Amino acid sequence: MPRPAHAPVRPPEDDLLRWAALGCLLAPAVLLWRGVPFLAAAGAACGLAAGAAASRMLIRRSRRLAALPRPRSLDAGARVSTPAPASGASAPLPTRGRAPRGTP
């Protein structure tokens, strides 16, 4: 059924968060039905709710940051370059904790 023209458009993450809320309610109910102790089901509900809340916060934050205008320096594709070694000089390669070959 199509939406009426006057209905406000919901962000797509709202549907995701509604499913997360349903899971936060449904999972403990299933655990209780299967005979898991109440405190374990309540702990699962709290863990799922914390995960859903953190996801909601991160989704909203990323949407808010995506809506901000970007500085021109980032749009121009500014690159960080490393300085070239001096002519004739060779820098030793990193060894990651082991002695380089040819040394005692």
N, C-alpha and C. Protein backbone atom coordinates (compact mmCIF):
# COMPACT_ATOMS: atom_id res chain seq x y z
N MET A 1 0.84 -1.17 0.00
CA MET A 1 0.00 0.00 0.00
C MET A 1 0.88 1.23 0.00
N PRO A 2 0.73 2.15 -0.97
CA PRO A 2 1.57 3.34 -1.01
C PRO A 2 1.25 4.30 0.12
N ARG A 3 2.25 5.04 0.51
CA ARG A 3 2.06 6.03 1.57
C ARG A 3 1.31 7.24 1.04
N PRO A 4 0.52 7.85 1.90
CA PRO A 4 -0.12 9.10 1.48
C PRO A 4 0.94 10.17 1.25
N ALA A 5 0.62 11.14 0.41
CA ALA A 5 1.58 12.18 0.06
C ALA A 5 1.94 13.06 1.25
N HIS A 6 1.08 13.16 2.23
CA HIS A 6 1.34 14.04 3.37
C HIS A 6 2.07 13.35 4.51
N ALA A 7 2.31 12.05 4.41
CA ALA A 7 2.99 11.33 5.49
C ALA A 7 4.47 11.71 5.54
N PRO A 8 5.00 11.94 6.74
CA PRO A 8 6.43 12.27 6.84
C PRO A 8 7.29 11.07 6.45
N VAL A 9 8.42 11.34 5.87
CA VAL A 9 9.33 10.29 5.45
C VAL A 9 10.23 9.95 6.64
N ARG A 10 10.23 8.66 7.02
CA ARG A 10 11.07 8.21 8.13
C ARG A 10 12.44 7.83 7.59
N PRO A 11 13.47 8.09 8.37
CA PRO A 11 14.80 7.61 7.96
C PRO A 11 14.81 6.09 7.94
N PRO A 12 15.60 5.49 7.04
CA PRO A 12 15.60 4.03 6.94
C PRO A 12 16.13 3.33 8.18
N GLU A 13 16.93 4.00 8.99
CA GLU A 13 17.44 3.32 10.18
C GLU A 13 16.36 3.14 11.24
N ASP A 14 15.24 3.85 11.13
CA ASP A 14 14.16 3.66 12.10
C ASP A 14 13.61 2.25 12.04
N ASP A 15 13.49 1.70 10.83
CA ASP A 15 13.00 0.33 10.70
C ASP A 15 13.97 -0.65 11.33
N LEU A 16 15.26 -0.41 11.12
CA LEU A 16 16.27 -1.28 11.72
C LEU A 16 16.19 -1.24 13.24
N LEU A 17 16.00 -0.04 13.79
CA LEU A 17 15.94 0.09 15.24
C LEU A 17 14.65 -0.51 15.80
N ARG A 18 13.57 -0.48 15.02
CA ARG A 18 12.34 -1.13 15.47
C ARG A 18 12.52 -2.65 15.55
N TRP A 19 13.21 -3.22 14.58
CA TRP A 19 13.49 -4.66 14.62
C TRP A 19 14.40 -5.00 15.79
N ALA A 20 15.35 -4.12 16.09
CA ALA A 20 16.23 -4.36 17.23
C ALA A 20 15.43 -4.34 18.53
N ALA A 21 14.49 -3.41 18.65
CA ALA A 21 13.65 -3.36 19.85
C ALA A 21 12.79 -4.61 19.97
N LEU A 22 12.28 -5.09 18.85
CA LEU A 22 11.50 -6.32 18.87
C LEU A 22 12.36 -7.50 19.34
N GLY A 23 13.59 -7.55 18.85
CA GLY A 23 14.50 -8.61 19.27
C GLY A 23 14.82 -8.53 20.75
N CYS A 24 14.93 -7.30 21.27
CA CYS A 24 15.21 -7.12 22.70
C CYS A 24 14.06 -7.63 23.57
N LEU A 25 12.85 -7.60 23.02
CA LEU A 25 11.70 -8.11 23.77
C LEU A 25 11.45 -9.59 23.51
N LEU A 26 11.66 -10.01 22.29
CA LEU A 26 11.32 -11.36 21.91
C LEU A 26 12.34 -12.40 22.43
N ALA A 27 13.62 -12.07 22.38
CA ALA A 27 14.65 -13.03 22.79
C ALA A 27 14.50 -13.45 24.26
N PRO A 28 14.31 -12.53 25.21
CA PRO A 28 14.13 -12.99 26.60
C PRO A 28 12.85 -13.81 26.78
N ALA A 29 11.80 -13.47 26.02
CA ALA A 29 10.57 -14.25 26.13
C ALA A 29 10.80 -15.69 25.68
N VAL A 30 11.53 -15.85 24.59
CA VAL A 30 11.85 -17.21 24.11
C VAL A 30 12.75 -17.93 25.10
N LEU A 31 13.70 -17.22 25.67
CA LEU A 31 14.58 -17.85 26.67
C LEU A 31 13.78 -18.33 27.88
N LEU A 32 12.85 -17.51 28.34
CA LEU A 32 12.01 -17.92 29.47
C LEU A 32 11.14 -19.11 29.10
N TRP A 33 10.62 -19.12 27.89
CA TRP A 33 9.77 -20.21 27.44
C TRP A 33 10.56 -21.53 27.37
N ARG A 34 11.85 -21.43 27.04
CA ARG A 34 12.71 -22.62 26.94
C ARG A 34 13.26 -23.06 28.30
N GLY A 35 12.94 -22.33 29.37
CA GLY A 35 13.32 -22.77 30.70
C GLY A 35 14.58 -22.14 31.26
N VAL A 36 15.07 -21.10 30.64
CA VAL A 36 16.26 -20.40 31.15
C VAL A 36 15.84 -19.60 32.39
N PRO A 37 16.68 -19.53 33.41
CA PRO A 37 16.33 -18.75 34.61
C PRO A 37 16.04 -17.28 34.26
N PHE A 38 15.19 -16.68 35.09
CA PHE A 38 14.75 -15.31 34.85
C PHE A 38 15.91 -14.32 34.80
N LEU A 39 16.86 -14.45 35.71
CA LEU A 39 17.97 -13.50 35.73
C LEU A 39 18.84 -13.60 34.47
N ALA A 40 18.98 -14.80 33.95
CA ALA A 40 19.74 -14.97 32.70
C ALA A 40 19.01 -14.32 31.54
N ALA A 41 17.69 -14.48 31.49
CA ALA A 41 16.90 -13.85 30.43
C ALA A 41 16.92 -12.33 30.58
N ALA A 42 16.86 -11.84 31.82
CA ALA A 42 16.93 -10.40 32.05
C ALA A 42 18.30 -9.85 31.65
N GLY A 43 19.35 -10.61 31.93
CA GLY A 43 20.69 -10.19 31.51
C GLY A 43 20.82 -10.14 30.00
N ALA A 44 20.22 -11.12 29.32
CA ALA A 44 20.24 -11.11 27.86
C ALA A 44 19.48 -9.90 27.33
N ALA A 45 18.35 -9.58 27.96
CA ALA A 45 17.56 -8.41 27.54
C ALA A 45 18.36 -7.13 27.73
N CYS A 46 19.05 -7.02 28.84
CA CYS A 46 19.87 -5.82 29.09
C CYS A 46 21.02 -5.72 28.09
N GLY A 47 21.66 -6.83 27.80
CA GLY A 47 22.75 -6.82 26.83
C GLY A 47 22.27 -6.45 25.44
N LEU A 48 21.14 -7.01 25.03
CA LEU A 48 20.59 -6.67 23.72
C LEU A 48 20.17 -5.21 23.66
N ALA A 49 19.57 -4.71 24.74
CA ALA A 49 19.15 -3.31 24.77
C ALA A 49 20.36 -2.38 24.71
N ALA A 50 21.44 -2.74 25.39
CA ALA A 50 22.66 -1.92 25.35
C ALA A 50 23.25 -1.92 23.95
N GLY A 51 23.26 -3.06 23.30
CA GLY A 51 23.76 -3.14 21.93
C GLY A 51 22.91 -2.34 20.97
N ALA A 52 21.59 -2.41 21.13
CA ALA A 52 20.68 -1.64 20.27
C ALA A 52 20.85 -0.14 20.50
N ALA A 53 21.02 0.24 21.76
CA ALA A 53 21.20 1.67 22.07
C ALA A 53 22.51 2.19 21.49
N ALA A 54 23.57 1.40 21.59
CA ALA A 54 24.85 1.81 21.02
C ALA A 54 24.76 1.90 19.50
N SER A 55 24.06 0.96 18.88
CA SER A 55 23.88 1.00 17.43
C SER A 55 23.10 2.24 17.03
N ARG A 56 22.06 2.53 17.77
CA ARG A 56 21.25 3.72 17.48
C ARG A 56 22.10 4.99 17.57
N MET A 57 22.91 5.07 18.62
CA MET A 57 23.75 6.24 18.80
C MET A 57 24.74 6.38 17.63
N LEU A 58 25.37 5.28 17.23
CA LEU A 58 26.35 5.33 16.15
C LEU A 58 25.70 5.65 14.80
N ILE A 59 24.52 5.11 14.56
CA ILE A 59 23.82 5.40 13.31
C ILE A 59 23.44 6.87 13.24
N ARG A 60 22.88 7.39 14.31
CA ARG A 60 22.48 8.81 14.33
C ARG A 60 23.70 9.71 14.18
N ARG A 61 24.79 9.35 14.85
CA ARG A 61 26.00 10.16 14.78
C ARG A 61 26.57 10.17 13.36
N SER A 62 26.59 9.01 12.72
CA SER A 62 27.13 8.95 11.36
C SER A 62 26.24 9.72 10.39
N ARG A 63 24.93 9.68 10.58
CA ARG A 63 24.03 10.46 9.71
C ARG A 63 24.24 11.95 9.92
N ARG A 64 24.44 12.34 11.18
CA ARG A 64 24.65 13.75 11.48
C ARG A 64 25.97 14.24 10.89
N LEU A 65 27.01 13.42 11.00
CA LEU A 65 28.31 13.80 10.44
C LEU A 65 28.28 13.81 8.92
N ALA A 66 27.51 12.93 8.32
CA ALA A 66 27.41 12.89 6.85
C ALA A 66 26.69 14.12 6.32
N ALA A 67 25.82 14.72 7.13
CA ALA A 67 25.06 15.89 6.69
C ALA A 67 25.87 17.18 6.80
N LEU A 68 26.97 17.16 7.53
CA LEU A 68 27.79 18.36 7.68
C LEU A 68 28.54 18.66 6.38
N PRO A 69 28.72 19.94 6.08
CA PRO A 69 29.52 20.26 4.89
C PRO A 69 30.98 19.91 5.13
N ARG A 70 31.63 19.38 4.09
CA ARG A 70 33.04 18.98 4.21
C ARG A 70 33.93 20.17 3.90
N PRO A 71 35.06 20.30 4.58
CA PRO A 71 36.01 21.37 4.27
C PRO A 71 36.60 21.17 2.88
N ARG A 72 36.97 22.26 2.24
CA ARG A 72 37.52 22.17 0.89
C ARG A 72 38.81 21.39 0.84
N SER A 73 39.59 21.43 1.90
CA SER A 73 40.87 20.72 1.88
C SER A 73 40.66 19.21 1.76
N LEU A 74 39.56 18.71 2.31
CA LEU A 74 39.28 17.28 2.20
C LEU A 74 38.70 16.94 0.83
N ASP A 75 37.96 17.87 0.23
CA ASP A 75 37.38 17.61 -1.07
C ASP A 75 38.43 17.60 -2.17
N ALA A 76 39.51 18.35 -1.98
CA ALA A 76 40.53 18.45 -3.01
C ALA A 76 41.40 17.19 -3.06
N GLY A 77 41.19 16.28 -2.14
CA GLY A 77 41.98 15.05 -2.15
C GLY A 77 43.38 15.27 -1.62
N ALA A 78 43.49 16.06 -0.55
CA ALA A 78 44.81 16.33 0.02
C ALA A 78 45.44 15.03 0.48
N ARG A 79 46.66 14.83 0.13
CA ARG A 79 47.37 13.61 0.47
C ARG A 79 48.52 13.95 1.41
N VAL A 80 48.80 13.04 2.31
CA VAL A 80 49.94 13.19 3.20
C VAL A 80 51.09 12.45 2.54
N SER A 81 52.17 13.18 2.30
CA SER A 81 53.30 12.53 1.66
C SER A 81 54.44 12.39 2.66
N THR A 82 55.25 11.37 2.44
CA THR A 82 56.41 11.16 3.28
C THR A 82 57.62 11.77 2.58
N PRO A 83 58.52 12.36 3.33
CA PRO A 83 59.69 12.96 2.70
C PRO A 83 60.58 11.90 2.07
N ALA A 84 61.15 12.23 0.95
CA ALA A 84 62.05 11.30 0.26
C ALA A 84 63.40 11.28 0.98
N PRO A 85 64.09 10.14 1.01
CA PRO A 85 65.40 10.10 1.65
C PRO A 85 66.40 10.96 0.87
N ALA A 86 67.40 11.43 1.58
CA ALA A 86 68.43 12.26 0.94
C ALA A 86 69.15 11.43 -0.12
N SER A 87 69.66 12.12 -1.13
CA SER A 87 70.32 11.40 -2.22
C SER A 87 71.55 10.67 -1.69
N GLY A 88 71.70 9.43 -2.07
CA GLY A 88 72.84 8.63 -1.66
C GLY A 88 72.68 7.98 -0.30
N ALA A 89 71.69 8.36 0.47
CA ALA A 89 71.49 7.76 1.79
C ALA A 89 70.42 6.69 1.70
N SER A 90 70.64 5.62 2.37
CA SER A 90 69.63 4.57 2.42
C SER A 90 69.23 4.35 3.86
N ALA A 91 67.96 4.36 4.10
CA ALA A 91 67.46 4.17 5.46
C ALA A 91 67.31 2.68 5.73
N PRO A 92 67.64 2.21 6.93
CA PRO A 92 67.46 0.80 7.25
C PRO A 92 65.97 0.47 7.34
N LEU A 93 65.62 -0.73 6.95
CA LEU A 93 64.24 -1.16 7.04
C LEU A 93 63.92 -1.57 8.46
N PRO A 94 62.67 -1.42 8.88
CA PRO A 94 62.30 -1.84 10.24
C PRO A 94 62.43 -3.36 10.35
N THR A 95 62.83 -3.84 11.54
CA THR A 95 63.12 -5.26 11.71
C THR A 95 62.05 -5.98 12.53
N ARG A 96 61.16 -5.29 13.16
CA ARG A 96 60.10 -5.87 14.00
C ARG A 96 60.66 -6.80 15.07
N GLY A 97 61.65 -6.36 15.76
CA GLY A 97 62.17 -7.10 16.90
C GLY A 97 63.19 -8.15 16.61
N ARG A 98 63.57 -8.37 15.39
CA ARG A 98 64.61 -9.36 15.10
C ARG A 98 65.82 -8.64 14.50
N ALA A 99 66.96 -9.24 14.66
CA ALA A 99 68.19 -8.62 14.16
C ALA A 99 68.24 -8.72 12.64
N PRO A 100 68.71 -7.67 11.98
CA PRO A 100 68.83 -7.74 10.54
C PRO A 100 69.85 -8.77 10.12
N ARG A 101 69.73 -9.26 8.93
CA ARG A 101 70.65 -10.29 8.43
C ARG A 101 72.07 -9.74 8.34
N GLY A 102 73.02 -10.59 8.61
CA GLY A 102 74.41 -10.20 8.51
C GLY A 102 74.97 -9.58 9.78
N THR A 103 74.19 -9.47 10.82
CA THR A 103 74.71 -8.93 12.09
C THR A 103 74.69 -10.05 13.12
N PRO A 104 75.69 -10.07 14.00
CA PRO A 104 75.76 -11.14 14.99
C PRO A 104 74.72 -10.99 16.08
